[in-house]
């Protein structure tokens, strides 16, 4: 493969990976709210905007991409392949796929941030406690949103749960390793700012649309 084509493909697949990770909260939130609704939309909105903002900045800043399109594709498809295995290679329910992909790849990012906040010696003890408290609150709201899916779909499907758990543990380990190194993969350039703003707005649209569909149904 010519070097110029390899670089273009590497750039394209890398951006695709970033977009996939960035859209996961929106897709999962729409799928969950349209199916189960949410009793307290105002707290979900305010916590969700803060959550998605931190999530997007973390993904953009720390997700390392390769110049090799094959390595980028491997990183992109890793989580979805665990979900496909859990769903017995079925894509009949795209909303369920979005939720489970978020449980594997998206929620792993939150757990990794929380784990790093707990064990990191920086910056100060008070700031670490505040960071842990914020991460626990965000994780709690996220878990509250996702929980109805567990008894409705996953409970009793222990083979699927096993595949999702393996994918989740792998994703957490990989993210903890990246975050603990502290190496920022990229600064927030113009694309990064647009990426963040667009995906936060996409989450707001997804949440409101999902709740509207649920109420209409």
N, C-alpha and C. Protein backbone atom coordinates (compact mmCIF):
# COMPACT_ATOMS: atom_id res chain seq x y z
N UNK A 1 0.84 -1.19 0.00
CA UNK A 1 0.00 0.00 0.00
C UNK A 1 0.89 1.25 0.00
N UNK A 2 0.66 2.21 -0.92
CA UNK A 2 1.45 3.45 -0.93
C UNK A 2 1.35 4.18 0.39
N UNK A 3 2.45 4.85 0.77
CA UNK A 3 2.48 5.53 2.06
C UNK A 3 1.40 6.61 2.18
N UNK A 4 1.18 7.35 1.08
CA UNK A 4 0.18 8.42 1.13
C UNK A 4 -1.21 7.86 1.38
N UNK A 5 -1.56 6.77 0.71
CA UNK A 5 -2.87 6.14 0.91
C UNK A 5 -2.96 5.56 2.31
N UNK A 6 -1.88 4.96 2.78
CA UNK A 6 -1.87 4.38 4.13
C UNK A 6 -2.11 5.47 5.18
N UNK A 7 -1.50 6.62 5.00
CA UNK A 7 -1.68 7.71 5.96
C UNK A 7 -3.10 8.24 5.94
N UNK A 8 -3.67 8.38 4.72
CA UNK A 8 -5.05 8.87 4.63
C UNK A 8 -6.02 7.88 5.27
N UNK A 9 -5.82 6.59 5.01
CA UNK A 9 -6.68 5.58 5.61
C UNK A 9 -6.51 5.54 7.13
N UNK A 10 -5.27 5.67 7.57
CA UNK A 10 -5.01 5.70 9.01
C UNK A 10 -5.70 6.88 9.67
N UNK A 11 -5.64 8.04 9.03
CA UNK A 11 -6.30 9.23 9.55
C UNK A 11 -7.81 9.03 9.58
N UNK A 12 -8.37 8.48 8.50
CA UNK A 12 -9.82 8.30 8.40
C UNK A 12 -10.33 7.29 9.44
N UNK A 13 -9.64 6.15 9.57
CA UNK A 13 -10.08 5.14 10.54
C UNK A 13 -9.90 5.64 11.97
N UNK A 14 -8.87 6.46 12.20
CA UNK A 14 -8.69 7.02 13.53
C UNK A 14 -9.81 7.98 13.90
N UNK A 15 -10.19 8.83 12.95
CA UNK A 15 -11.30 9.75 13.21
C UNK A 15 -12.60 8.96 13.42
N UNK A 16 -12.78 7.90 12.65
CA UNK A 16 -13.97 7.06 12.80
C UNK A 16 -14.04 6.46 14.20
N UNK A 17 -12.89 6.05 14.73
CA UNK A 17 -12.85 5.50 16.08
C UNK A 17 -13.26 6.56 17.11
N UNK A 18 -12.75 7.78 16.94
CA UNK A 18 -13.12 8.86 17.86
C UNK A 18 -14.62 9.17 17.78
N UNK A 19 -15.16 9.17 16.58
CA UNK A 19 -16.59 9.45 16.41
C UNK A 19 -17.44 8.34 17.04
N UNK A 20 -17.01 7.10 16.86
CA UNK A 20 -17.73 5.96 17.47
C UNK A 20 -17.78 6.11 18.99
N UNK A 21 -16.63 6.36 19.61
CA UNK A 21 -16.60 6.50 21.06
C UNK A 21 -17.42 7.71 21.50
N UNK A 22 -17.33 8.80 20.74
CA UNK A 22 -18.06 10.01 21.11
C UNK A 22 -19.56 9.88 21.01
N UNK A 23 -20.04 9.08 20.06
CA UNK A 23 -21.48 8.93 19.87
C UNK A 23 -22.11 7.90 20.81
N UNK A 24 -21.31 7.07 21.44
CA UNK A 24 -21.87 6.01 22.29
C UNK A 24 -22.83 6.54 23.36
N UNK A 25 -22.47 7.59 24.12
CA UNK A 25 -23.43 8.06 25.14
C UNK A 25 -24.76 8.51 24.53
N UNK A 26 -24.72 9.18 23.38
CA UNK A 26 -25.95 9.65 22.75
C UNK A 26 -26.82 8.49 22.28
N UNK A 27 -26.21 7.53 21.60
CA UNK A 27 -26.97 6.39 21.09
C UNK A 27 -27.57 5.57 22.22
N UNK A 28 -26.77 5.33 23.26
CA UNK A 28 -27.27 4.54 24.39
C UNK A 28 -28.37 5.29 25.15
N UNK A 29 -28.19 6.60 25.33
CA UNK A 29 -29.20 7.38 26.05
C UNK A 29 -30.51 7.41 25.29
N UNK A 30 -30.45 7.59 23.98
CA UNK A 30 -31.69 7.57 23.19
C UNK A 30 -32.37 6.20 23.31
N UNK A 31 -31.58 5.13 23.18
CA UNK A 31 -32.15 3.79 23.26
C UNK A 31 -32.80 3.54 24.62
N UNK A 32 -32.17 3.98 25.68
CA UNK A 32 -32.69 3.74 27.03
C UNK A 32 -33.90 4.60 27.34
N UNK A 33 -33.83 5.89 27.01
CA UNK A 33 -34.95 6.77 27.36
C UNK A 33 -36.18 6.48 26.51
N UNK A 34 -36.00 6.08 25.25
CA UNK A 34 -37.17 5.77 24.42
C UNK A 34 -37.88 4.50 24.89
N UNK A 35 -37.10 3.59 25.50
CA UNK A 35 -37.67 2.32 25.95
C UNK A 35 -38.20 2.40 27.37
N UNK A 36 -37.43 3.03 28.27
CA UNK A 36 -37.77 2.98 29.70
C UNK A 36 -38.14 4.34 30.28
N UNK A 37 -37.88 5.42 29.54
CA UNK A 37 -38.12 6.74 30.09
C UNK A 37 -37.14 7.06 31.20
N UNK A 38 -37.44 8.13 31.96
CA UNK A 38 -36.63 8.48 33.12
C UNK A 38 -37.47 9.40 33.98
N UNK A 39 -37.55 9.10 35.29
CA UNK A 39 -38.47 9.82 36.17
C UNK A 39 -38.04 11.25 36.44
N UNK A 40 -36.73 11.52 36.43
CA UNK A 40 -36.22 12.85 36.78
C UNK A 40 -35.41 13.41 35.62
N UNK A 41 -36.08 13.92 34.58
CA UNK A 41 -35.34 14.39 33.41
C UNK A 41 -34.43 15.58 33.68
N UNK A 42 -34.82 16.48 34.62
CA UNK A 42 -33.99 17.66 34.87
C UNK A 42 -32.61 17.27 35.43
N UNK A 43 -32.54 16.44 36.50
CA UNK A 43 -31.21 16.01 36.97
C UNK A 43 -30.45 15.23 35.90
N UNK A 44 -31.15 14.43 35.12
CA UNK A 44 -30.49 13.69 34.04
C UNK A 44 -29.86 14.66 33.05
N UNK A 45 -30.58 15.74 32.73
CA UNK A 45 -30.07 16.73 31.78
C UNK A 45 -28.78 17.37 32.30
N UNK A 46 -28.84 17.91 33.53
CA UNK A 46 -27.70 18.67 34.05
C UNK A 46 -26.49 17.75 34.31
N UNK A 47 -26.74 16.60 34.92
CA UNK A 47 -25.64 15.67 35.16
C UNK A 47 -25.14 15.11 33.84
N UNK A 48 -26.06 14.84 32.93
CA UNK A 48 -25.67 14.26 31.65
C UNK A 48 -24.80 15.19 30.83
N UNK A 49 -25.13 16.47 30.79
CA UNK A 49 -24.32 17.43 30.04
C UNK A 49 -22.90 17.48 30.62
N UNK A 50 -22.80 17.54 31.95
CA UNK A 50 -21.47 17.55 32.57
C UNK A 50 -20.74 16.25 32.30
N UNK A 51 -21.46 15.14 32.42
CA UNK A 51 -20.86 13.83 32.21
C UNK A 51 -20.33 13.68 30.79
N UNK A 52 -21.17 14.00 29.82
CA UNK A 52 -20.76 13.83 28.43
C UNK A 52 -19.63 14.78 28.08
N UNK A 53 -19.66 15.99 28.64
CA UNK A 53 -18.56 16.92 28.39
C UNK A 53 -17.23 16.36 28.85
N UNK A 54 -17.19 15.85 30.09
CA UNK A 54 -15.95 15.26 30.61
C UNK A 54 -15.56 14.03 29.80
N UNK A 55 -16.54 13.22 29.48
CA UNK A 55 -16.30 12.00 28.70
C UNK A 55 -15.67 12.32 27.35
N UNK A 56 -16.25 13.29 26.63
CA UNK A 56 -15.77 13.63 25.30
C UNK A 56 -14.36 14.20 25.37
N UNK A 57 -14.11 15.09 26.31
CA UNK A 57 -12.77 15.67 26.45
C UNK A 57 -11.75 14.57 26.76
N UNK A 58 -12.12 13.63 27.62
CA UNK A 58 -11.22 12.53 27.96
C UNK A 58 -10.94 11.66 26.76
N UNK A 59 -11.99 11.31 26.03
CA UNK A 59 -11.82 10.48 24.83
C UNK A 59 -10.91 11.17 23.83
N UNK A 60 -11.17 12.43 23.57
CA UNK A 60 -10.39 13.13 22.56
C UNK A 60 -8.95 13.33 22.99
N UNK A 61 -8.75 13.60 24.27
CA UNK A 61 -7.40 13.90 24.74
C UNK A 61 -6.51 12.67 24.88
N UNK A 62 -7.10 11.53 25.25
CA UNK A 62 -6.27 10.38 25.62
C UNK A 62 -6.36 9.19 24.68
N UNK A 63 -7.30 9.20 23.73
CA UNK A 63 -7.38 8.07 22.82
C UNK A 63 -6.26 8.15 21.80
N UNK A 64 -5.33 7.22 21.88
CA UNK A 64 -4.19 7.22 20.96
C UNK A 64 -4.55 6.47 19.68
N UNK A 65 -4.23 7.09 18.57
CA UNK A 65 -4.51 6.51 17.27
C UNK A 65 -3.20 6.19 16.58
N UNK A 66 -3.26 5.21 15.72
CA UNK A 66 -2.08 4.77 14.99
C UNK A 66 -2.12 5.30 13.56
N UNK A 67 -0.96 5.37 12.94
CA UNK A 67 -0.92 5.70 11.51
C UNK A 67 -1.33 4.52 10.66
N UNK A 68 -1.42 3.34 11.30
CA UNK A 68 -1.83 2.13 10.58
C UNK A 68 -3.35 2.01 10.58
N UNK A 69 -3.99 1.95 9.42
CA UNK A 69 -5.46 1.78 9.40
C UNK A 69 -5.89 0.47 10.03
N UNK A 70 -5.05 -0.57 9.94
CA UNK A 70 -5.42 -1.87 10.48
C UNK A 70 -5.46 -1.84 12.01
N UNK A 71 -4.49 -1.17 12.62
CA UNK A 71 -4.50 -1.06 14.07
C UNK A 71 -5.68 -0.22 14.55
N UNK A 72 -5.98 0.84 13.82
CA UNK A 72 -7.14 1.67 14.19
C UNK A 72 -8.44 0.89 14.05
N UNK A 73 -8.55 0.09 13.00
CA UNK A 73 -9.74 -0.75 12.83
C UNK A 73 -9.86 -1.78 13.94
N UNK A 74 -8.72 -2.35 14.34
CA UNK A 74 -8.73 -3.32 15.43
C UNK A 74 -9.22 -2.68 16.72
N UNK A 75 -8.75 -1.45 17.00
CA UNK A 75 -9.19 -0.74 18.20
C UNK A 75 -10.66 -0.38 18.11
N UNK A 76 -11.11 0.00 16.90
CA UNK A 76 -12.52 0.36 16.71
C UNK A 76 -13.44 -0.83 16.88
N UNK A 77 -13.06 -1.98 16.34
CA UNK A 77 -13.95 -3.14 16.31
C UNK A 77 -13.85 -4.01 17.55
N UNK A 78 -12.88 -3.75 18.41
CA UNK A 78 -12.65 -4.60 19.57
C UNK A 78 -13.90 -4.71 20.44
N UNK A 79 -14.42 -3.57 20.90
CA UNK A 79 -15.62 -3.59 21.74
C UNK A 79 -16.84 -4.13 21.03
N UNK A 80 -17.16 -3.64 19.81
CA UNK A 80 -18.32 -4.18 19.10
C UNK A 80 -18.27 -5.68 18.87
N UNK A 81 -17.08 -6.25 18.70
CA UNK A 81 -17.00 -7.69 18.50
C UNK A 81 -17.40 -8.45 19.76
N UNK A 82 -17.05 -7.94 20.93
CA UNK A 82 -17.51 -8.56 22.17
C UNK A 82 -19.03 -8.49 22.27
N UNK A 83 -19.60 -7.34 21.86
CA UNK A 83 -21.05 -7.19 21.89
C UNK A 83 -21.70 -8.16 20.91
N UNK A 84 -21.13 -8.28 19.72
CA UNK A 84 -21.67 -9.21 18.74
C UNK A 84 -21.62 -10.64 19.26
N UNK A 85 -20.52 -11.00 19.92
CA UNK A 85 -20.42 -12.35 20.49
C UNK A 85 -21.48 -12.55 21.57
N UNK A 86 -21.72 -11.51 22.37
CA UNK A 86 -22.72 -11.61 23.43
C UNK A 86 -24.12 -11.75 22.85
N UNK A 87 -24.34 -11.14 21.70
CA UNK A 87 -25.67 -11.17 21.07
C UNK A 87 -25.79 -12.28 20.04
N UNK A 88 -24.85 -13.23 20.08
CA UNK A 88 -24.84 -14.37 19.14
C UNK A 88 -24.87 -13.89 17.69
N UNK A 89 -24.03 -12.86 17.43
CA UNK A 89 -23.86 -12.32 16.08
C UNK A 89 -25.15 -11.82 15.47
N UNK A 90 -26.01 -11.26 16.32
CA UNK A 90 -27.29 -10.74 15.84
C UNK A 90 -27.31 -9.22 15.93
N UNK A 91 -27.72 -8.57 14.84
CA UNK A 91 -27.89 -7.12 14.84
C UNK A 91 -29.36 -6.75 14.68
N UNK A 92 -30.24 -7.67 15.07
CA UNK A 92 -31.67 -7.45 14.88
C UNK A 92 -32.17 -6.28 15.72
N UNK A 93 -31.54 -5.99 16.84
CA UNK A 93 -31.96 -4.91 17.73
C UNK A 93 -30.83 -3.88 17.83
N UNK A 94 -30.80 -2.88 16.96
CA UNK A 94 -29.72 -1.90 17.00
C UNK A 94 -29.70 -1.10 18.29
N UNK A 95 -30.87 -0.88 18.92
CA UNK A 95 -30.89 -0.13 20.17
C UNK A 95 -30.22 -0.92 21.29
N UNK A 96 -30.49 -2.23 21.35
CA UNK A 96 -29.81 -3.06 22.34
C UNK A 96 -28.31 -3.09 22.08
N UNK A 97 -27.93 -3.13 20.82
CA UNK A 97 -26.50 -3.12 20.48
C UNK A 97 -25.84 -1.85 20.98
N UNK A 98 -26.51 -0.70 20.81
CA UNK A 98 -25.95 0.58 21.25
C UNK A 98 -25.77 0.59 22.77
N UNK A 99 -26.75 0.07 23.49
CA UNK A 99 -26.66 0.04 24.95
C UNK A 99 -25.50 -0.84 25.40
N UNK A 100 -25.39 -2.02 24.82
CA UNK A 100 -24.34 -2.94 25.24
C UNK A 100 -22.96 -2.46 24.81
N UNK A 101 -22.87 -1.78 23.67
CA UNK A 101 -21.59 -1.20 23.26
C UNK A 101 -21.16 -0.13 24.26
N UNK A 102 -22.12 0.65 24.76
CA UNK A 102 -21.79 1.65 25.77
C UNK A 102 -21.36 0.99 27.08
N UNK A 103 -22.02 -0.11 27.45
CA UNK A 103 -21.63 -0.82 28.66
C UNK A 103 -20.20 -1.34 28.58
N UNK A 104 -19.77 -1.73 27.38
CA UNK A 104 -18.42 -2.26 27.22
C UNK A 104 -17.39 -1.13 27.08
N UNK A 105 -17.59 -0.27 26.10
CA UNK A 105 -16.58 0.75 25.79
C UNK A 105 -16.79 2.06 26.53
N UNK A 106 -18.04 2.53 26.62
CA UNK A 106 -18.29 3.83 27.22
C UNK A 106 -18.18 3.82 28.73
N UNK A 107 -18.86 2.88 29.37
CA UNK A 107 -18.84 2.84 30.83
C UNK A 107 -17.44 2.52 31.35
N UNK A 108 -16.65 1.81 30.55
CA UNK A 108 -15.28 1.51 30.94
C UNK A 108 -14.46 2.79 31.11
N UNK A 109 -14.76 3.80 30.31
CA UNK A 109 -14.04 5.07 30.43
C UNK A 109 -14.35 5.72 31.76
N UNK A 110 -15.64 5.69 32.18
CA UNK A 110 -15.99 6.28 33.47
C UNK A 110 -15.35 5.54 34.64
N UNK A 111 -15.38 4.24 34.59
CA UNK A 111 -14.78 3.46 35.68
C UNK A 111 -13.27 3.71 35.74
N UNK A 112 -12.64 3.87 34.60
CA UNK A 112 -11.20 4.14 34.55
C UNK A 112 -10.88 5.51 35.15
N UNK A 113 -11.69 6.52 34.81
CA UNK A 113 -11.48 7.85 35.39
C UNK A 113 -11.66 7.80 36.91
N UNK A 114 -12.69 7.08 37.36
CA UNK A 114 -12.93 6.95 38.80
C UNK A 114 -11.77 6.22 39.47
N UNK A 115 -11.31 5.12 38.87
CA UNK A 115 -10.19 4.38 39.45
C UNK A 115 -8.94 5.23 39.55
N UNK A 116 -8.67 6.02 38.52
CA UNK A 116 -7.48 6.88 38.55
C UNK A 116 -7.62 7.97 39.61
N UNK A 117 -8.83 8.52 39.76
CA UNK A 117 -9.05 9.55 40.78
C UNK A 117 -8.83 8.99 42.18
N UNK A 118 -9.14 7.70 42.38
CA UNK A 118 -8.98 7.09 43.71
C UNK A 118 -7.52 6.85 44.04
N UNK A 119 -6.73 6.38 43.08
CA UNK A 119 -5.36 5.98 43.38
C UNK A 119 -4.32 7.05 43.09
N UNK A 120 -4.69 8.09 42.37
CA UNK A 120 -3.70 9.11 41.99
C UNK A 120 -3.26 9.92 43.21
N UNK A 121 -1.96 10.22 43.34
CA UNK A 121 -1.49 11.06 44.44
C UNK A 121 -1.67 12.54 44.18
N UNK A 122 -2.17 12.90 43.01
CA UNK A 122 -2.30 14.30 42.62
C UNK A 122 -3.77 14.66 42.44
N UNK A 123 -4.16 15.94 42.56
CA UNK A 123 -3.30 17.05 42.98
C UNK A 123 -3.21 17.19 44.50
N UNK A 124 -4.36 17.42 45.20
CA UNK A 124 -4.37 17.48 46.66
C UNK A 124 -5.44 16.51 47.17
N UNK A 125 -5.36 16.21 48.46
CA UNK A 125 -6.31 15.24 49.02
C UNK A 125 -7.75 15.74 48.87
N UNK A 126 -7.99 17.02 49.18
CA UNK A 126 -9.33 17.56 49.06
C UNK A 126 -9.85 17.53 47.64
N UNK A 127 -8.98 17.86 46.69
CA UNK A 127 -9.40 17.83 45.29
C UNK A 127 -9.64 16.41 44.81
N UNK A 128 -8.85 15.46 45.31
CA UNK A 128 -9.07 14.06 44.94
C UNK A 128 -10.41 13.57 45.47
N UNK A 129 -10.74 13.93 46.72
CA UNK A 129 -12.02 13.53 47.29
C UNK A 129 -13.17 14.12 46.48
N UNK A 130 -13.05 15.39 46.10
CA UNK A 130 -14.09 16.02 45.29
C UNK A 130 -14.22 15.33 43.93
N UNK A 131 -13.08 14.98 43.33
CA UNK A 131 -13.11 14.30 42.04
C UNK A 131 -13.80 12.95 42.15
N UNK A 132 -13.48 12.21 43.22
CA UNK A 132 -14.10 10.90 43.42
C UNK A 132 -15.60 11.05 43.64
N UNK A 133 -15.99 12.05 44.44
CA UNK A 133 -17.42 12.28 44.71
C UNK A 133 -18.17 12.60 43.42
N UNK A 134 -17.57 13.44 42.57
CA UNK A 134 -18.21 13.80 41.30
C UNK A 134 -18.34 12.57 40.40
N UNK A 135 -17.26 11.77 40.32
CA UNK A 135 -17.30 10.58 39.48
C UNK A 135 -18.33 9.57 39.99
N UNK A 136 -18.45 9.44 41.32
CA UNK A 136 -19.44 8.52 41.88
C UNK A 136 -20.85 9.00 41.58
N UNK A 137 -21.08 10.32 41.67
CA UNK A 137 -22.40 10.85 41.36
C UNK A 137 -22.76 10.62 39.90
N UNK A 138 -21.80 10.89 39.02
CA UNK A 138 -22.05 10.68 37.59
C UNK A 138 -22.27 9.20 37.30
N UNK A 139 -21.44 8.34 37.89
CA UNK A 139 -21.60 6.90 37.67
C UNK A 139 -22.94 6.42 38.21
N UNK A 140 -23.39 7.02 39.33
CA UNK A 140 -24.67 6.63 39.89
C UNK A 140 -25.83 6.97 38.97
N UNK A 141 -25.82 8.18 38.41
CA UNK A 141 -26.89 8.57 37.49
C UNK A 141 -26.84 7.72 36.23
N UNK A 142 -25.63 7.45 35.73
CA UNK A 142 -25.49 6.60 34.55
C UNK A 142 -26.02 5.20 34.82
N UNK A 143 -25.66 4.65 36.00
CA UNK A 143 -26.15 3.33 36.37
C UNK A 143 -27.65 3.30 36.52
N UNK A 144 -28.23 4.37 37.07
CA UNK A 144 -29.68 4.47 37.23
C UNK A 144 -30.37 4.45 35.86
N UNK A 145 -29.76 5.15 34.90
CA UNK A 145 -30.33 5.18 33.55
C UNK A 145 -30.25 3.81 32.88
N UNK A 146 -29.13 3.11 33.08
CA UNK A 146 -28.90 1.84 32.39
C UNK A 146 -29.60 0.67 33.08
N UNK A 147 -29.83 0.77 34.39
CA UNK A 147 -30.27 -0.38 35.17
C UNK A 147 -31.50 -1.09 34.62
N UNK A 148 -32.57 -0.40 34.15
CA UNK A 148 -33.74 -1.15 33.67
C UNK A 148 -33.43 -2.16 32.58
N UNK A 149 -32.37 -1.92 31.82
CA UNK A 149 -32.01 -2.85 30.74
C UNK A 149 -31.50 -4.17 31.29
N UNK A 150 -30.90 -4.12 32.50
CA UNK A 150 -30.28 -5.32 33.07
C UNK A 150 -31.32 -6.40 33.37
N UNK A 151 -32.35 -6.14 34.20
CA UNK A 151 -33.34 -7.21 34.44
C UNK A 151 -34.21 -7.49 33.23
N UNK A 152 -34.38 -6.50 32.35
CA UNK A 152 -35.26 -6.68 31.21
C UNK A 152 -34.64 -7.57 30.13
N UNK A 153 -33.33 -7.44 29.91
CA UNK A 153 -32.69 -8.13 28.79
C UNK A 153 -31.55 -9.05 29.23
N UNK A 154 -30.69 -8.56 30.12
CA UNK A 154 -29.47 -9.30 30.42
C UNK A 154 -29.64 -10.37 31.49
N UNK A 155 -30.54 -10.14 32.42
CA UNK A 155 -30.67 -11.07 33.55
C UNK A 155 -31.06 -12.46 33.06
N UNK A 156 -30.27 -13.43 33.42
CA UNK A 156 -30.49 -14.81 33.00
C UNK A 156 -29.73 -15.20 31.76
N UNK A 157 -29.30 -14.23 30.97
CA UNK A 157 -28.49 -14.52 29.76
C UNK A 157 -27.02 -14.47 30.15
N UNK A 158 -26.60 -15.47 30.93
CA UNK A 158 -25.28 -15.40 31.55
C UNK A 158 -24.13 -15.54 30.55
N UNK A 159 -24.39 -16.21 29.43
CA UNK A 159 -23.36 -16.26 28.39
C UNK A 159 -23.10 -14.88 27.82
N UNK A 160 -24.17 -14.14 27.56
CA UNK A 160 -24.02 -12.78 27.06
C UNK A 160 -23.34 -11.89 28.09
N UNK A 161 -23.74 -12.03 29.35
CA UNK A 161 -23.12 -11.24 30.42
C UNK A 161 -21.63 -11.53 30.51
N UNK A 162 -21.25 -12.79 30.33
CA UNK A 162 -19.84 -13.16 30.39
C UNK A 162 -19.03 -12.47 29.28
N UNK A 163 -19.55 -12.49 28.05
CA UNK A 163 -18.86 -11.83 26.95
C UNK A 163 -18.75 -10.32 27.20
N UNK A 164 -19.82 -9.70 27.63
CA UNK A 164 -19.79 -8.27 27.91
C UNK A 164 -18.82 -7.95 29.04
N UNK A 165 -18.77 -8.82 30.05
CA UNK A 165 -17.86 -8.59 31.18
C UNK A 165 -16.41 -8.67 30.75
N UNK A 166 -16.08 -9.64 29.91
CA UNK A 166 -14.70 -9.76 29.43
C UNK A 166 -14.32 -8.51 28.62
N UNK A 167 -15.21 -8.08 27.73
CA UNK A 167 -14.94 -6.88 26.96
C UNK A 167 -14.79 -5.65 27.83
N UNK A 168 -15.64 -5.54 28.87
CA UNK A 168 -15.57 -4.41 29.78
C UNK A 168 -14.25 -4.41 30.56
N UNK A 169 -13.86 -5.54 31.09
CA UNK A 169 -12.60 -5.62 31.85
C UNK A 169 -11.41 -5.27 30.97
N UNK A 170 -11.42 -5.78 29.74
CA UNK A 170 -10.33 -5.45 28.83
C UNK A 170 -10.28 -3.95 28.55
N UNK A 171 -11.44 -3.34 28.32
CA UNK A 171 -11.49 -1.91 28.03
C UNK A 171 -11.03 -1.09 29.22
N UNK A 172 -11.44 -1.49 30.44
CA UNK A 172 -11.01 -0.78 31.64
C UNK A 172 -9.50 -0.87 31.80
N UNK A 173 -8.94 -2.05 31.61
CA UNK A 173 -7.49 -2.22 31.75
C UNK A 173 -6.74 -1.35 30.76
N UNK A 174 -7.21 -1.32 29.52
CA UNK A 174 -6.54 -0.52 28.49
C UNK A 174 -6.63 0.96 28.82
N UNK A 175 -7.80 1.42 29.27
CA UNK A 175 -7.97 2.84 29.58
C UNK A 175 -7.18 3.24 30.82
N UNK A 176 -7.16 2.39 31.84
CA UNK A 176 -6.37 2.71 33.03
C UNK A 176 -4.90 2.86 32.68
N UNK A 177 -4.41 2.00 31.81
CA UNK A 177 -3.01 2.08 31.39
C UNK A 177 -2.74 3.39 30.68
N UNK A 178 -3.66 3.81 29.80
CA UNK A 178 -3.47 5.07 29.08
C UNK A 178 -3.55 6.27 30.02
N UNK A 179 -4.57 6.27 30.90
CA UNK A 179 -4.75 7.42 31.78
C UNK A 179 -3.61 7.53 32.80
N UNK A 180 -3.15 6.39 33.31
CA UNK A 180 -2.09 6.41 34.32
C UNK A 180 -0.79 6.95 33.75
N UNK A 181 -0.55 6.74 32.45
CA UNK A 181 0.66 7.28 31.83
C UNK A 181 0.64 8.80 31.80
N UNK A 182 -0.54 9.36 31.72
CA UNK A 182 -0.67 10.81 31.72
C UNK A 182 -0.26 11.49 30.43
N UNK A 183 -0.06 10.72 29.38
CA UNK A 183 0.35 11.29 28.10
C UNK A 183 -0.88 11.74 27.31
N UNK A 184 -0.97 13.03 27.06
CA UNK A 184 -2.08 13.56 26.28
C UNK A 184 -1.82 13.28 24.81
N UNK A 185 -2.77 12.63 24.17
CA UNK A 185 -2.58 12.25 22.77
C UNK A 185 -2.71 13.44 21.84
N UNK A 186 -3.58 14.40 22.19
CA UNK A 186 -3.76 15.56 21.32
C UNK A 186 -4.37 16.69 22.14
N UNK A 187 -4.02 17.92 21.77
CA UNK A 187 -4.63 19.09 22.38
C UNK A 187 -5.96 19.38 21.71
N UNK A 188 -6.75 20.26 22.34
CA UNK A 188 -8.05 20.60 21.76
C UNK A 188 -7.87 21.67 20.68
N UNK A 189 -7.67 21.21 19.45
CA UNK A 189 -7.59 22.10 18.31
C UNK A 189 -9.01 22.42 17.83
N UNK A 190 -9.11 23.02 16.64
CA UNK A 190 -10.43 23.39 16.13
C UNK A 190 -11.34 22.17 15.98
N UNK A 191 -10.77 21.06 15.48
CA UNK A 191 -11.57 19.85 15.35
C UNK A 191 -12.02 19.36 16.71
N UNK A 192 -11.13 19.43 17.70
CA UNK A 192 -11.48 18.97 19.03
C UNK A 192 -12.60 19.78 19.65
N UNK A 193 -12.59 21.09 19.43
CA UNK A 193 -13.65 21.94 19.97
C UNK A 193 -14.98 21.62 19.29
N UNK A 194 -14.96 21.50 17.96
CA UNK A 194 -16.18 21.14 17.24
C UNK A 194 -16.68 19.75 17.65
N UNK A 195 -15.75 18.83 17.82
CA UNK A 195 -16.06 17.47 18.24
C UNK A 195 -16.79 17.48 19.58
N UNK A 196 -16.27 18.26 20.53
CA UNK A 196 -16.86 18.31 21.86
C UNK A 196 -18.24 18.96 21.83
N UNK A 197 -18.33 20.13 21.21
CA UNK A 197 -19.61 20.86 21.17
C UNK A 197 -20.68 20.04 20.45
N UNK A 198 -20.34 19.49 19.29
CA UNK A 198 -21.31 18.74 18.51
C UNK A 198 -21.82 17.53 19.27
N UNK A 199 -20.92 16.80 19.94
CA UNK A 199 -21.33 15.56 20.59
C UNK A 199 -22.09 15.83 21.89
N UNK A 200 -21.80 16.92 22.57
CA UNK A 200 -22.62 17.29 23.74
C UNK A 200 -24.03 17.66 23.28
N UNK A 201 -24.13 18.44 22.21
CA UNK A 201 -25.44 18.78 21.66
C UNK A 201 -26.18 17.53 21.16
N UNK A 202 -25.43 16.60 20.57
CA UNK A 202 -26.04 15.35 20.10
C UNK A 202 -26.63 14.58 21.27
N UNK A 203 -25.96 14.60 22.42
CA UNK A 203 -26.49 13.91 23.59
C UNK A 203 -27.79 14.57 24.07
N UNK A 204 -27.81 15.90 24.10
CA UNK A 204 -29.02 16.61 24.52
C UNK A 204 -30.19 16.26 23.60
N UNK A 205 -29.95 16.26 22.30
CA UNK A 205 -31.00 15.91 21.34
C UNK A 205 -31.45 14.46 21.55
N UNK A 206 -30.48 13.57 21.78
CA UNK A 206 -30.80 12.15 21.98
C UNK A 206 -31.66 11.96 23.23
N UNK A 207 -31.31 12.64 24.33
CA UNK A 207 -32.07 12.49 25.57
C UNK A 207 -33.49 13.01 25.40
N UNK A 208 -33.63 14.23 24.87
CA UNK A 208 -34.96 14.82 24.72
C UNK A 208 -35.80 14.04 23.72
N UNK A 209 -35.19 13.59 22.65
CA UNK A 209 -35.93 12.81 21.64
C UNK A 209 -36.39 11.48 22.21
N UNK A 210 -35.50 10.81 22.96
CA UNK A 210 -35.87 9.53 23.56
C UNK A 210 -37.03 9.67 24.54
N UNK A 211 -36.98 10.71 25.39
CA UNK A 211 -38.06 10.92 26.34
C UNK A 211 -39.37 11.26 25.61
N UNK A 212 -39.28 12.05 24.52
CA UNK A 212 -40.48 12.40 23.77
C UNK A 212 -41.10 11.16 23.12
N UNK A 213 -40.28 10.30 22.55
CA UNK A 213 -40.79 9.07 21.94
C UNK A 213 -41.44 8.18 22.98
N UNK A 214 -40.80 8.07 24.17
CA UNK A 214 -41.35 7.23 25.23
C UNK A 214 -42.72 7.76 25.68
N UNK A 215 -42.82 9.07 25.86
CA UNK A 215 -44.10 9.63 26.31
C UNK A 215 -45.17 9.50 25.24
N UNK A 216 -44.77 9.63 23.99
CA UNK A 216 -45.74 9.51 22.90
C UNK A 216 -46.25 8.09 22.76
N UNK A 217 -45.38 7.11 23.14
CA UNK A 217 -45.78 5.71 23.02
C UNK A 217 -46.66 5.26 24.15
